[in-house]
Amino acid sequence: MAAISGMIGSVTYASGYTSNAHQWEADITAEALDTTGFSPGSNYRTRLVGLLDWSGSYTCWTDGTTVLPAAGTGGSATFLATTGRQYSGTILVTSCRTGISADGSQRTTTVSWVGAAVPTPA
């Protein structure tokens, strides 16, 4: 389960194209740096918090004219969480997957991304 999610969002890419998300989710994670010193009497690892990261995916409706972002493309994202809180930041596309409903009436694209800068909650 994602740490945060919502039903509204947009991503504007350098080309000027804006993709409107109808569903999104994101996780915020932290590295756990091993600081175990192998001291006598302790068989447990010790750790410190390392770098923070955020990543996720969004889904948008697409048609034959939709410009799909290529892996490695950067964009400026704004996502509205179900809690009403807004998150904004720069993202980097890692993959793009398109699907079509069984009857062919709906086409969606899911874009996976990683954060390229610190997210800004508002």
PDB file of N, CA and C in Angstrom:
ATOM      1  N   MET A   1       0.842  -1.183   0.000  1.00  0.00           N
ATOM      2  CA  MET A   1       0.000   0.000   0.000  1.00  0.00           C
ATOM      3  C   MET A   1       0.885   1.243   0.000  1.00  0.00           C
ATOM      4  N   ALA A   2       0.507   2.193  -0.800  1.00  0.00           N
ATOM      5  CA  ALA A   2       1.282   3.422  -0.917  1.00  0.00           C
ATOM      6  C   ALA A   2       1.115   4.300   0.312  1.00  0.00           C
ATOM      7  N   ALA A   3       2.144   5.076   0.600  1.00  0.00           N
ATOM      8  CA  ALA A   3       2.110   5.987   1.745  1.00  0.00           C
ATOM      9  C   ALA A   3       1.087   7.095   1.532  1.00  0.00           C
ATOM     10  N   ILE A   4       1.008   7.605   0.305  1.00  0.00           N
ATOM     11  CA  ILE A   4       0.042   8.653  -0.038  1.00  0.00           C
ATOM     12  C   ILE A   4      -0.548   8.331  -1.405  1.00  0.00           C
ATOM     13  N   SER A   5      -1.780   8.748  -1.629  1.00  0.00           N
ATOM     14  CA  SER A   5      -2.418   8.482  -2.913  1.00  0.00           C
ATOM     15  C   SER A   5      -3.523   9.502  -3.151  1.00  0.00           C
ATOM     16  N   GLY A   6      -4.014   9.531  -4.384  1.00  0.00           N
ATOM     17  CA  GLY A   6      -5.081  10.458  -4.718  1.00  0.00           C
ATOM     18  C   GLY A   6      -5.660  10.184  -6.081  1.00  0.00           C
ATOM     19  N   MET A   7      -6.609  11.016  -6.456  1.00  0.00           N
ATOM     20  CA  MET A   7      -7.323  10.859  -7.719  1.00  0.00           C
ATOM     21  C   MET A   7      -7.103  12.027  -8.674  1.00  0.00           C
ATOM     22  N   ILE A   8      -6.351  13.047  -8.254  1.00  0.00           N
ATOM     23  CA  ILE A   8      -6.140  14.229  -9.088  1.00  0.00           C
ATOM     24  C   ILE A   8      -4.653  14.560  -9.109  1.00  0.00           C
ATOM     25  N   GLY A   9      -4.137  14.865 -10.290  1.00  0.00           N
ATOM     26  CA  GLY A   9      -2.747  15.277 -10.402  1.00  0.00           C
ATOM     27  C   GLY A   9      -2.430  15.705 -11.811  1.00  0.00           C
ATOM     28  N   SER A  10      -1.305  16.370 -11.973  1.00  0.00           N
ATOM     29  CA  SER A  10      -0.844  16.749 -13.303  1.00  0.00           C
ATOM     30  C   SER A  10       0.675  16.765 -13.320  1.00  0.00           C
ATOM     31  N   VAL A  11       1.212  16.449 -14.487  1.00  0.00           N
ATOM     32  CA  VAL A  11       2.659  16.478 -14.698  1.00  0.00           C
ATOM     33  C   VAL A  11       2.919  17.230 -15.990  1.00  0.00           C
ATOM     34  N   THR A  12       3.739  18.276 -15.913  1.00  0.00           N
ATOM     35  CA  THR A  12       4.102  19.042 -17.099  1.00  0.00           C
ATOM     36  C   THR A  12       5.547  18.713 -17.448  1.00  0.00           C
ATOM     37  N   TYR A  13       5.744  18.293 -18.691  1.00  0.00           N
ATOM     38  CA  TYR A  13       7.063  17.903 -19.163  1.00  0.00           C
ATOM     39  C   TYR A  13       7.736  19.071 -19.887  1.00  0.00           C
ATOM     40  N   ALA A  14       9.048  18.959 -20.100  1.00  0.00           N
ATOM     41  CA  ALA A  14       9.826  20.032 -20.721  1.00  0.00           C
ATOM     42  C   ALA A  14       9.293  20.419 -22.101  1.00  0.00           C
ATOM     43  N   SER A  15       8.679  19.472 -22.793  1.00  0.00           N
ATOM     44  CA  SER A  15       8.123  19.749 -24.122  1.00  0.00           C
ATOM     45  C   SER A  15       6.909  20.668 -24.052  1.00  0.00           C
ATOM     46  N   GLY A  16       6.388  20.858 -22.824  1.00  0.00           N
ATOM     47  CA  GLY A  16       5.199  21.670 -22.644  1.00  0.00           C
ATOM     48  C   GLY A  16       3.935  20.845 -22.505  1.00  0.00           C
ATOM     49  N   TYR A  17       4.041  19.536 -22.788  1.00  0.00           N
ATOM     50  CA  TYR A  17       2.877  18.656 -22.682  1.00  0.00           C
ATOM     51  C   TYR A  17       2.526  18.432 -21.208  1.00  0.00           C
ATOM     52  N   THR A  18       1.231  18.511 -20.888  1.00  0.00           N
ATOM     53  CA  THR A  18       0.765  18.241 -19.535  1.00  0.00           C
ATOM     54  C   THR A  18      -0.087  16.982 -19.530  1.00  0.00           C
ATOM     55  N   SER A  19       0.247  16.052 -18.649  1.00  0.00           N
ATOM     56  CA  SER A  19      -0.493  14.811 -18.480  1.00  0.00           C
ATOM     57  C   SER A  19      -1.345  14.941 -17.219  1.00  0.00           C
ATOM     58  N   ASN A  20      -2.646  14.682 -17.324  1.00  0.00           N
ATOM     59  CA  ASN A  20      -3.546  14.786 -16.179  1.00  0.00           C
ATOM     60  C   ASN A  20      -3.839  13.410 -15.599  1.00  0.00           C
ATOM     61  N   ALA A  21      -3.453  13.221 -14.348  1.00  0.00           N
ATOM     62  CA  ALA A  21      -3.628  11.934 -13.679  1.00  0.00           C
ATOM     63  C   ALA A  21      -5.042  11.812 -13.118  1.00  0.00           C
ATOM     64  N   HIS A  22      -5.622  10.616 -13.265  1.00  0.00           N
ATOM     65  CA  HIS A  22      -6.907  10.364 -12.625  1.00  0.00           C
ATOM     66  C   HIS A  22      -6.742   9.403 -11.449  1.00  0.00           C
ATOM     67  N   GLN A  23      -5.521   8.948 -11.227  1.00  0.00           N
ATOM     68  CA  GLN A  23      -5.185   8.117 -10.076  1.00  0.00           C
ATOM     69  C   GLN A  23      -3.671   8.148  -9.914  1.00  0.00           C
ATOM     70  N   TRP A  24      -3.197   8.240  -8.657  1.00  0.00           N
ATOM     71  CA  TRP A  24      -1.762   8.239  -8.416  1.00  0.00           C
ATOM     72  C   TRP A  24      -1.469   7.686  -7.034  1.00  0.00           C
ATOM     73  N   GLU A  25      -0.229   7.265  -6.844  1.00  0.00           N
ATOM     74  CA  GLU A  25       0.236   6.816  -5.530  1.00  0.00           C
ATOM     75  C   GLU A  25       1.732   7.062  -5.429  1.00  0.00           C
ATOM     76  N   ALA A  26       2.180   7.265  -4.206  1.00  0.00           N
ATOM     77  CA  ALA A  26       3.604   7.522  -3.978  1.00  0.00           C
ATOM     78  C   ALA A  26       4.029   6.940  -2.630  1.00  0.00           C
ATOM     79  N   ASP A  27       5.259   6.534  -2.562  1.00  0.00           N
ATOM     80  CA  ASP A  27       5.875   6.052  -1.327  1.00  0.00           C
ATOM     81  C   ASP A  27       7.034   6.969  -0.980  1.00  0.00           C
ATOM     82  N   ILE A  28       7.199   7.210   0.289  1.00  0.00           N
ATOM     83  CA  ILE A  28       8.349   7.960   0.792  1.00  0.00           C
ATOM     84  C   ILE A  28       9.161   6.971   1.613  1.00  0.00           C
ATOM     85  N   THR A  29      10.431   6.791   1.242  1.00  0.00           N
ATOM     86  CA  THR A  29      11.269   5.792   1.892  1.00  0.00           C
ATOM     87  C   THR A  29      12.559   6.421   2.412  1.00  0.00           C
ATOM     88  N   ALA A  30      13.225   5.685   3.297  1.00  0.00           N
ATOM     89  CA  ALA A  30      14.506   6.127   3.849  1.00  0.00           C
ATOM     90  C   ALA A  30      15.493   4.969   3.803  1.00  0.00           C
ATOM     91  N   GLU A  31      16.728   5.275   3.506  1.00  0.00           N
ATOM     92  CA  GLU A  31      17.793   4.274   3.580  1.00  0.00           C
ATOM     93  C   GLU A  31      18.054   3.944   5.043  1.00  0.00           C
ATOM     94  N   ALA A  32      18.432   2.712   5.291  1.00  0.00           N
ATOM     95  CA  ALA A  32      18.872   2.315   6.627  1.00  0.00           C
ATOM     96  C   ALA A  32      20.350   1.952   6.515  1.00  0.00           C
ATOM     97  N   LEU A  33      21.223   2.819   7.005  1.00  0.00           N
ATOM     98  CA  LEU A  33      22.670   2.617   6.895  1.00  0.00           C
ATOM     99  C   LEU A  33      23.166   1.770   8.058  1.00  0.00           C
ATOM    100  N   ASP A  34      23.852   0.711   7.726  1.00  0.00           N
ATOM    101  CA  ASP A  34      24.360  -0.215   8.735  1.00  0.00           C
ATOM    102  C   ASP A  34      25.555   0.411   9.460  1.00  0.00           C
ATOM    103  N   THR A  35      25.478   0.488  10.786  1.00  0.00           N
ATOM    104  CA  THR A  35      26.566   1.040  11.595  1.00  0.00           C
ATOM    105  C   THR A  35      27.055   0.031  12.637  1.00  0.00           C
ATOM    106  N   THR A  36      26.790  -1.248  12.367  1.00  0.00           N
ATOM    107  CA  THR A  36      27.161  -2.299  13.313  1.00  0.00           C
ATOM    108  C   THR A  36      28.668  -2.292  13.560  1.00  0.00           C
ATOM    109  N   GLY A  37      29.036  -2.319  14.832  1.00  0.00           N
ATOM    110  CA  GLY A  37      30.453  -2.289  15.193  1.00  0.00           C
ATOM    111  C   GLY A  37      30.997  -3.622  15.652  1.00  0.00           C
ATOM    112  N   PHE A  38      30.180  -4.658  15.649  1.00  0.00           N
ATOM    113  CA  PHE A  38      30.600  -5.989  16.078  1.00  0.00           C
ATOM    114  C   PHE A  38      31.208  -5.981  17.474  1.00  0.00           C
ATOM    115  N   SER A  39      30.566  -5.271  18.370  1.00  0.00           N
ATOM    116  CA  SER A  39      31.063  -5.221  19.750  1.00  0.00           C
ATOM    117  C   SER A  39      30.666  -6.505  20.489  1.00  0.00           C
ATOM    118  N   PRO A  40      31.500  -6.928  21.433  1.00  0.00           N
ATOM    119  CA  PRO A  40      31.192  -8.145  22.183  1.00  0.00           C
ATOM    120  C   PRO A  40      29.872  -7.998  22.951  1.00  0.00           C
ATOM    121  N   GLY A  41      29.097  -9.073  22.991  1.00  0.00           N
ATOM    122  CA  GLY A  41      27.858  -9.068  23.755  1.00  0.00           C
ATOM    123  C   GLY A  41      26.627  -8.637  22.972  1.00  0.00           C
ATOM    124  N   SER A  42      26.786  -8.199  21.735  1.00  0.00           N
ATOM    125  CA  SER A  42      25.628  -7.777  20.942  1.00  0.00           C
ATOM    126  C   SER A  42      25.638  -8.480  19.593  1.00  0.00           C
ATOM    127  N   ASN A  43      24.544  -9.165  19.311  1.00  0.00           N
ATOM    128  CA  ASN A  43      24.409  -9.847  18.026  1.00  0.00           C
ATOM    129  C   ASN A  43      23.423  -9.131  17.106  1.00  0.00           C
ATOM    130  N   TYR A  44      23.082  -7.898  17.460  1.00  0.00           N
ATOM    131  CA  TYR A  44      22.120  -7.145  16.666  1.00  0.00           C
ATOM    132  C   TYR A  44      22.817  -6.059  15.856  1.00  0.00           C
ATOM    133  N   ARG A  45      22.283  -5.815  14.688  1.00  0.00           N
ATOM    134  CA  ARG A  45      22.778  -4.727  13.858  1.00  0.00           C
ATOM    135  C   ARG A  45      22.298  -3.394  14.431  1.00  0.00           C
ATOM    136  N   THR A  46      23.067  -2.352  14.163  1.00  0.00           N
ATOM    137  CA  THR A  46      22.634  -0.996  14.486  1.00  0.00           C
ATOM    138  C   THR A  46      22.597  -0.205  13.179  1.00  0.00           C
ATOM    139  N   ARG A  47      21.672   0.768  13.114  1.00  0.00           N
ATOM    140  CA  ARG A  47      21.495   1.514  11.871  1.00  0.00           C
ATOM    141  C   ARG A  47      21.223   2.978  12.139  1.00  0.00           C
ATOM    142  N   LEU A  48      21.514   3.802  11.127  1.00  0.00           N
ATOM    143  CA  LEU A  48      21.170   5.215  11.115  1.00  0.00           C
ATOM    144  C   LEU A  48      20.312   5.483   9.884  1.00  0.00           C
ATOM    145  N   VAL A  49      19.485   6.495   9.965  1.00  0.00           N
ATOM    146  CA  VAL A  49      18.684   6.890   8.809  1.00  0.00           C
ATOM    147  C   VAL A  49      19.587   7.558   7.783  1.00  0.00           C
ATOM    148  N   GLY A  50      19.447   7.129   6.531  1.00  0.00           N
ATOM    149  CA  GLY A  50      20.226   7.707   5.442  1.00  0.00           C
ATOM    150  C   GLY A  50      19.379   8.668   4.618  1.00  0.00           C
ATOM    151  N   LEU A  51      19.549   8.622   3.328  1.00  0.00           N
ATOM    152  CA  LEU A  51      18.842   9.524   2.421  1.00  0.00           C
ATOM    153  C   LEU A  51      17.369   9.149   2.267  1.00  0.00           C
ATOM    154  N   LEU A  52      16.526  10.160   2.141  1.00  0.00           N
ATOM    155  CA  LEU A  52      15.101   9.958   1.901  1.00  0.00           C
ATOM    156  C   LEU A  52      14.847   9.951   0.395  1.00  0.00           C
ATOM    157  N   ASP A  53      13.773   9.295  -0.021  1.00  0.00           N
ATOM    158  CA  ASP A  53      13.435   9.205  -1.428  1.00  0.00           C
ATOM    159  C   ASP A  53      11.919   9.143  -1.568  1.00  0.00           C
ATOM    160  N   TRP A  54      11.411   9.532  -2.730  1.00  0.00           N
ATOM    161  CA  TRP A  54       9.990   9.342  -3.021  1.00  0.00           C
ATOM    162  C   TRP A  54       9.859   8.834  -4.442  1.00  0.00           C
ATOM    163  N   SER A  55       8.890   7.959  -4.640  1.00  0.00           N
ATOM    164  CA  SER A  55       8.667   7.362  -5.954  1.00  0.00           C
ATOM    165  C   SER A  55       7.208   6.930  -6.031  1.00  0.00           C
ATOM    166  N   GLY A  56       6.755   6.655  -7.233  1.00  0.00           N
ATOM    167  CA  GLY A  56       5.372   6.234  -7.371  1.00  0.00           C
ATOM    168  C   GLY A  56       4.961   6.039  -8.808  1.00  0.00           C
ATOM    169  N   SER A  57       3.656   6.164  -9.029  1.00  0.00           N
ATOM    170  CA  SER A  57       3.112   6.031 -10.374  1.00  0.00           C
ATOM    171  C   SER A  57       1.826   6.836 -10.472  1.00  0.00           C
ATOM    172  N   TYR A  58       1.469   7.173 -11.693  1.00  0.00           N
ATOM    173  CA  TYR A  58       0.179   7.801 -11.939  1.00  0.00           C
ATOM    174  C   TYR A  58      -0.429   7.186 -13.189  1.00  0.00           C
ATOM    175  N   THR A  59      -1.756   7.208 -13.256  1.00  0.00           N
ATOM    176  CA  THR A  59      -2.484   6.665 -14.400  1.00  0.00           C
ATOM    177  C   THR A  59      -3.294   7.780 -15.032  1.00  0.00           C
ATOM    178  N   CYS A  60      -3.279   7.837 -16.350  1.00  0.00           N
ATOM    179  CA  CYS A  60      -4.034   8.860 -17.083  1.00  0.00           C
ATOM    180  C   CYS A  60      -4.743   8.214 -18.264  1.00  0.00           C
ATOM    181  N   TRP A  61      -5.821   8.850 -18.712  1.00  0.00           N
ATOM    182  CA  TRP A  61      -6.529   8.407 -19.913  1.00  0.00           C
ATOM    183  C   TRP A  61      -5.697   8.825 -21.117  1.00  0.00           C
ATOM    184  N   THR A  62      -5.629   7.970 -22.130  1.00  0.00           N
ATOM    185  CA  THR A  62      -4.867   8.298 -23.326  1.00  0.00           C
ATOM    186  C   THR A  62      -5.682   7.996 -24.580  1.00  0.00           C
ATOM    187  N   ASP A  63      -5.288   8.605 -25.675  1.00  0.00           N
ATOM    188  CA  ASP A  63      -5.875   8.309 -26.978  1.00  0.00           C
ATOM    189  C   ASP A  63      -4.754   8.306 -28.001  1.00  0.00           C
ATOM    190  N   GLY A  64      -5.088   8.218 -29.244  1.00  0.00           N
ATOM    191  CA  GLY A  64      -4.082   8.136 -30.294  1.00  0.00           C
ATOM    192  C   GLY A  64      -3.221   9.376 -30.451  1.00  0.00           C
ATOM    193  N   THR A  65      -3.631  10.493 -29.850  1.00  0.00           N
ATOM    194  CA  THR A  65      -2.853  11.729 -29.980  1.00  0.00           C
ATOM    195  C   THR A  65      -2.041  12.057 -28.727  1.00  0.00           C
ATOM    196  N   THR A  66      -2.179  11.239 -27.683  1.00  0.00           N
ATOM    197  CA  THR A  66      -1.493  11.498 -26.417  1.00  0.00           C
ATOM    198  C   THR A  66       0.014  11.298 -26.570  1.00  0.00           C
ATOM    199  N   VAL A  67       0.772  12.255 -26.091  1.00  0.00           N
ATOM    200  CA  VAL A  67       2.230  12.162 -26.108  1.00  0.00           C
ATOM    201  C   VAL A  67       2.668  11.418 -24.842  1.00  0.00           C
ATOM    202  N   LEU A  68       3.242  10.233 -25.019  1.00  0.00           N
ATOM    203  CA  LEU A  68       3.677   9.442 -23.870  1.00  0.00           C
ATOM    204  C   LEU A  68       5.117   9.802 -23.514  1.00  0.00           C
ATOM    205  N   PRO A  69       5.397  10.007 -22.225  1.00  0.00           N
ATOM    206  CA  PRO A  69       6.762  10.363 -21.836  1.00  0.00           C
ATOM    207  C   PRO A  69       7.694   9.158 -21.938  1.00  0.00           C
ATOM    208  N   ALA A  70       8.868   9.367 -22.439  1.00  0.00           N
ATOM    209  CA  ALA A  70       9.875   8.314 -22.528  1.00  0.00           C
ATOM    210  C   ALA A  70      10.598   8.170 -21.193  1.00  0.00           C
ATOM    211  N   ALA A  71      11.123   6.979 -20.938  1.00  0.00           N
ATOM    212  CA  ALA A  71      11.930   6.763 -19.732  1.00  0.00           C
ATOM    213  C   ALA A  71      13.079   7.761 -19.749  1.00  0.00           C
ATOM    214  N   GLY A  72      13.335   8.371 -18.601  1.00  0.00           N
ATOM    215  CA  GLY A  72      14.388   9.369 -18.485  1.00  0.00           C
ATOM    216  C   GLY A  72      13.898  10.794 -18.630  1.00  0.00           C
ATOM    217  N   THR A  73      12.610  10.963 -18.986  1.00  0.00           N
ATOM    218  CA  THR A  73      12.040  12.295 -19.146  1.00  0.00           C
ATOM    219  C   THR A  73      11.706  12.887 -17.780  1.00  0.00           C
ATOM    220  N   GLY A  74      12.068  14.122 -17.571  1.00  0.00           N
ATOM    221  CA  GLY A  74      11.763  14.815 -16.322  1.00  0.00           C
ATOM    222  C   GLY A  74      10.507  15.650 -16.458  1.00  0.00           C
ATOM    223  N   GLY A  75       9.829  15.860 -15.339  1.00  0.00           N
ATOM    224  CA  GLY A  75       8.620  16.676 -15.364  1.00  0.00           C
ATOM    225  C   GLY A  75       8.365  17.329 -14.023  1.00  0.00           C
ATOM    226  N   SER A  76       7.499  18.313 -14.035  1.00  0.00           N
ATOM    227  CA  SER A  76       7.092  19.019 -12.826  1.00  0.00           C
ATOM    228  C   SER A  76       5.714  18.501 -12.438  1.00  0.00           C
ATOM    229  N   ALA A  77       5.608  17.848 -11.283  1.00  0.00           N
ATOM    230  CA  ALA A  77       4.379  17.176 -10.873  1.00  0.00           C
ATOM    231  C   ALA A  77       3.691  17.889  -9.717  1.00  0.00           C
ATOM    232  N   THR A  78       2.368  17.855  -9.749  1.00  0.00           N
ATOM    233  CA  THR A  78       1.542  18.309  -8.639  1.00  0.00           C
ATOM    234  C   THR A  78       0.457  17.273  -8.437  1.00  0.00           C
ATOM    235  N   PHE A  79       0.396  16.706  -7.234  1.00  0.00           N
ATOM    236  CA  PHE A  79      -0.580  15.675  -6.910  1.00  0.00           C
ATOM    237  C   PHE A  79      -1.395  16.098  -5.696  1.00  0.00           C
ATOM    238  N   LEU A  80      -2.711  15.887  -5.755  1.00  0.00           N
ATOM    239  CA  LEU A  80      -3.602  16.182  -4.638  1.00  0.00           C
ATOM    240  C   LEU A  80      -3.980  14.872  -3.965  1.00  0.00           C
ATOM    241  N   ALA A  81      -3.606  14.727  -2.687  1.00  0.00           N
ATOM    242  CA  ALA A  81      -3.886  13.498  -1.944  1.00  0.00           C
ATOM    243  C   ALA A  81      -5.347  13.433  -1.523  1.00  0.00           C
ATOM    244  N   THR A  82      -5.803  12.219  -1.214  1.00  0.00           N
ATOM    245  CA  THR A  82      -7.183  12.029  -0.762  1.00  0.00           C
ATOM    246  C   THR A  82      -7.435  12.764   0.549  1.00  0.00           C
ATOM    247  N   THR A  83      -6.383  13.102   1.274  1.00  0.00           N
ATOM    248  CA  THR A  83      -6.510  13.847   2.530  1.00  0.00           C
ATOM    249  C   THR A  83      -6.707  15.343   2.288  1.00  0.00           C
ATOM    250  N   GLY A  84      -6.539  15.781   1.023  1.00  0.00           N
ATOM    251  CA  GLY A  84      -6.645  17.204   0.697  1.00  0.00           C
ATOM    252  C   GLY A  84      -5.302  17.905   0.638  1.00  0.00           C
ATOM    253  N   ARG A  85      -4.242  17.207   1.035  1.00  0.00           N
ATOM    254  CA  ARG A  85      -2.898  17.792   1.008  1.00  0.00           C
ATOM    255  C   ARG A  85      -2.312  17.688  -0.396  1.00  0.00           C
ATOM    256  N   GLN A  86      -1.625  18.725  -0.831  1.00  0.00           N
ATOM    257  CA  GLN A  86      -1.024  18.755  -2.165  1.00  0.00           C
ATOM    258  C   GLN A  86       0.474  18.507  -2.061  1.00  0.00           C
ATOM    259  N   TYR A  87       1.021  17.715  -2.996  1.00  0.00           N
ATOM    260  CA  TYR A  87       2.453  17.442  -3.068  1.00  0.00           C
ATOM    261  C   TYR A  87       2.954  17.861  -4.441  1.00  0.00           C
ATOM    262  N   SER A  88       4.058  18.598  -4.476  1.00  0.00           N
ATOM    263  CA  SER A  88       4.639  19.054  -5.736  1.00  0.00           C
ATOM    264  C   SER A  88       6.125  18.749  -5.746  1.00  0.00           C
ATOM    265  N   GLY A  89       6.665  18.515  -6.930  1.00  0.00           N
ATOM    266  CA  GLY A  89       8.092  18.282  -7.052  1.00  0.00           C
ATOM    267  C   GLY A  89       8.465  17.854  -8.451  1.00  0.00           C
ATOM    268  N   THR A  90       9.743  17.701  -8.660  1.00  0.00           N
ATOM    269  CA  THR A  90      10.268  17.258  -9.945  1.00  0.00           C
ATOM    270  C   THR A  90      10.375  15.740  -9.933  1.00  0.00           C
ATOM    271  N   ILE A  91       9.900  15.112 -11.015  1.00  0.00           N
ATOM    272  CA  ILE A  91       9.974  13.658 -11.119  1.00  0.00           C
ATOM    273  C   ILE A  91      10.746  13.260 -12.365  1.00  0.00           C
ATOM    274  N   LEU A  92      11.193  12.004 -12.390  1.00  0.00           N
ATOM    275  CA  LEU A  92      11.912  11.435 -13.518  1.00  0.00           C
ATOM    276  C   LEU A  92      11.213  10.132 -13.897  1.00  0.00           C
ATOM    277  N   VAL A  93      10.715  10.037 -15.120  1.00  0.00           N
ATOM    278  CA  VAL A  93       9.979   8.856 -15.581  1.00  0.00           C
ATOM    279  C   VAL A  93      10.919   7.662 -15.687  1.00  0.00           C
ATOM    280  N   THR A  94      10.507   6.514 -15.106  1.00  0.00           N
ATOM    281  CA  THR A  94      11.305   5.290 -15.197  1.00  0.00           C
ATOM    282  C   THR A  94      10.686   4.273 -16.140  1.00  0.00           C
ATOM    283  N   SER A  95       9.352   4.319 -16.305  1.00  0.00           N
ATOM    284  CA  SER A  95       8.698   3.426 -17.267  1.00  0.00           C
ATOM    285  C   SER A  95       7.305   3.943 -17.585  1.00  0.00           C
ATOM    286  N   CYS A  96       6.761   3.457 -18.703  1.00  0.00           N
ATOM    287  CA  CYS A  96       5.457   3.886 -19.185  1.00  0.00           C
ATOM    288  C   CYS A  96       4.765   2.652 -19.759  1.00  0.00           C
ATOM    289  N   ARG A  97       3.562   2.335 -19.263  1.00  0.00           N
ATOM    290  CA  ARG A  97       2.855   1.123 -19.669  1.00  0.00           C
ATOM    291  C   ARG A  97       1.427   1.490 -20.084  1.00  0.00           C
ATOM    292  N   THR A  98       1.001   1.099 -21.283  1.00  0.00           N
ATOM    293  CA  THR A  98      -0.336   1.420 -21.780  1.00  0.00           C
ATOM    294  C   THR A  98      -1.188   0.159 -21.843  1.00  0.00           C
ATOM    295  N   GLY A  99      -2.458   0.319 -21.451  1.00  0.00           N
ATOM    296  CA  GLY A  99      -3.403  -0.796 -21.507  1.00  0.00           C
ATOM    297  C   GLY A  99      -4.716  -0.353 -22.121  1.00  0.00           C
ATOM    298  N   ILE A 100      -5.456  -1.321 -22.691  1.00  0.00           N
ATOM    299  CA  ILE A 100      -6.751  -1.054 -23.308  1.00  0.00           C
ATOM    300  C   ILE A 100      -7.786  -1.975 -22.674  1.00  0.00           C
ATOM    301  N   SER A 101      -8.973  -1.415 -22.369  1.00  0.00           N
ATOM    302  CA  SER A 101     -10.044  -2.218 -21.772  1.00  0.00           C
ATOM    303  C   SER A 101     -10.466  -3.331 -22.731  1.00  0.00           C
ATOM    304  N   ALA A 102     -11.118  -4.366 -22.192  1.00  0.00           N
ATOM    305  CA  ALA A 102     -11.518  -5.529 -22.990  1.00  0.00           C
ATOM    306  C   ALA A 102     -12.382  -5.150 -24.189  1.00  0.00           C
ATOM    307  N   ASP A 103     -13.247  -4.154 -24.027  1.00  0.00           N
ATOM    308  CA  ASP A 103     -14.121  -3.752 -25.138  1.00  0.00           C
ATOM    309  C   ASP A 103     -13.487  -2.677 -26.023  1.00  0.00           C
ATOM    310  N   GLY A 104     -12.273  -2.251 -25.688  1.00  0.00           N
ATOM    311  CA  GLY A 104     -11.554  -1.271 -26.495  1.00  0.00           C
ATOM    312  C   GLY A 104     -11.990   0.168 -26.295  1.00  0.00           C
ATOM    313  N   SER A 105     -12.892   0.406 -25.342  1.00  0.00           N
ATOM    314  CA  SER A 105     -13.435   1.759 -25.175  1.00  0.00           C
ATOM    315  C   SER A 105     -12.560   2.679 -24.330  1.00  0.00           C
ATOM    316  N   GLN A 106     -11.693   2.108 -23.496  1.00  0.00           N
ATOM    317  CA  GLN A 106     -10.848   2.937 -22.636  1.00  0.00           C
ATOM    318  C   GLN A 106      -9.391   2.527 -22.778  1.00  0.00           C
ATOM    319  N   ARG A 107      -8.554   3.531 -22.889  1.00  0.00           N
ATOM    320  CA  ARG A 107      -7.112   3.304 -22.980  1.00  0.00           C
ATOM    321  C   ARG A 107      -6.462   4.111 -21.879  1.00  0.00           C
ATOM    322  N   THR A 108      -5.675   3.454 -21.042  1.00  0.00           N
ATOM    323  CA  THR A 108      -4.987   4.152 -19.953  1.00  0.00           C
ATOM    324  C   THR A 108      -3.485   3.908 -20.058  1.00  0.00           C
ATOM    325  N   THR A 109      -2.743   4.829 -19.503  1.00  0.00           N
ATOM    326  CA  THR A 109      -1.298   4.695 -19.423  1.00  0.00           C
ATOM    327  C   THR A 109      -0.883   4.895 -17.975  1.00  0.00           C
ATOM    328  N   THR A 110      -0.042   3.998 -17.487  1.00  0.00           N
ATOM    329  CA  THR A 110       0.514   4.120 -16.141  1.00  0.00           C
ATOM    330  C   THR A 110       1.989   4.493 -16.278  1.00  0.00           C
ATOM    331  N   VAL A 111       2.346   5.593 -15.650  1.00  0.00           N
ATOM    332  CA  VAL A 111       3.708   6.108 -15.691  1.00  0.00           C
ATOM    333  C   VAL A 111       4.338   5.914 -14.312  1.00  0.00           C
ATOM    334  N   SER A 112       5.449   5.208 -14.261  1.00  0.00           N
ATOM    335  CA  SER A 112       6.205   5.038 -13.012  1.00  0.00           C
ATOM    336  C   SER A 112       7.310   6.073 -12.975  1.00  0.00           C
ATOM    337  N   TRP A 113       7.604   6.565 -11.780  1.00  0.00           N
ATOM    338  CA  TRP A 113       8.585   7.650 -11.651  1.00  0.00           C
ATOM    339  C   TRP A 113       9.323   7.584 -10.320  1.00  0.00           C
ATOM    340  N   VAL A 114      10.440   8.302 -10.263  1.00  0.00           N
ATOM    341  CA  VAL A 114      11.177   8.529  -9.024  1.00  0.00           C
ATOM    342  C   VAL A 114      11.308  10.034  -8.847  1.00  0.00           C
ATOM    343  N   GLY A 115      11.406  10.468  -7.616  1.00  0.00           N
ATOM    344  CA  GLY A 115      11.592  11.880  -7.347  1.00  0.00           C
ATOM    345  C   GLY A 115      12.979  12.326  -7.742  1.00  0.00           C
ATOM    346  N   ALA A 116      13.060  13.491  -8.389  1.00  0.00           N
ATOM    347  CA  ALA A 116      14.344  14.040  -8.791  1.00  0.00           C
ATOM    348  C   ALA A 116      14.718  15.224  -7.903  1.00  0.00           C
ATOM    349  N   ALA A 117      13.873  15.535  -6.946  1.00  0.00           N
ATOM    350  CA  ALA A 117      14.098  16.632  -6.004  1.00  0.00           C
ATOM    351  C   ALA A 117      13.183  16.398  -4.795  1.00  0.00           C
ATOM    352  N   VAL A 118      13.356  17.179  -3.773  1.00  0.00           N
ATOM    353  CA  VAL A 118      12.559  17.056  -2.550  1.00  0.00           C
ATOM    354  C   VAL A 118      11.102  17.423  -2.841  1.00  0.00           C
ATOM    355  N   PRO A 119      10.117  16.572  -2.447  1.00  0.00           N
ATOM    356  CA  PRO A 119       8.722  16.938  -2.638  1.00  0.00           C
ATOM    357  C   PRO A 119       8.321  18.064  -1.702  1.00  0.00           C
ATOM    358  N   THR A 120       7.432  18.904  -2.146  1.00  0.00           N
ATOM    359  CA  THR A 120       6.973  20.030  -1.337  1.00  0.00           C
ATOM    360  C   THR A 120       5.509  19.840  -0.983  1.00  0.00           C
ATOM    361  N   PRO A 121       5.204  19.449   0.273  1.00  0.00           N
ATOM    362  CA  PRO A 121       3.795  19.349   0.651  1.00  0.00           C
ATOM    363  C   PRO A 121       3.227  20.742   0.920  1.00  0.00           C
ATOM    364  N   ALA A 122       1.982  20.949   0.554  1.00  0.00           N
ATOM    365  CA  ALA A 122       1.350  22.253   0.794  1.00  0.00           C
ATOM    366  C   ALA A 122       0.112  22.074   1.645  1.00  0.00           C
TER     367      ALA A 122
END
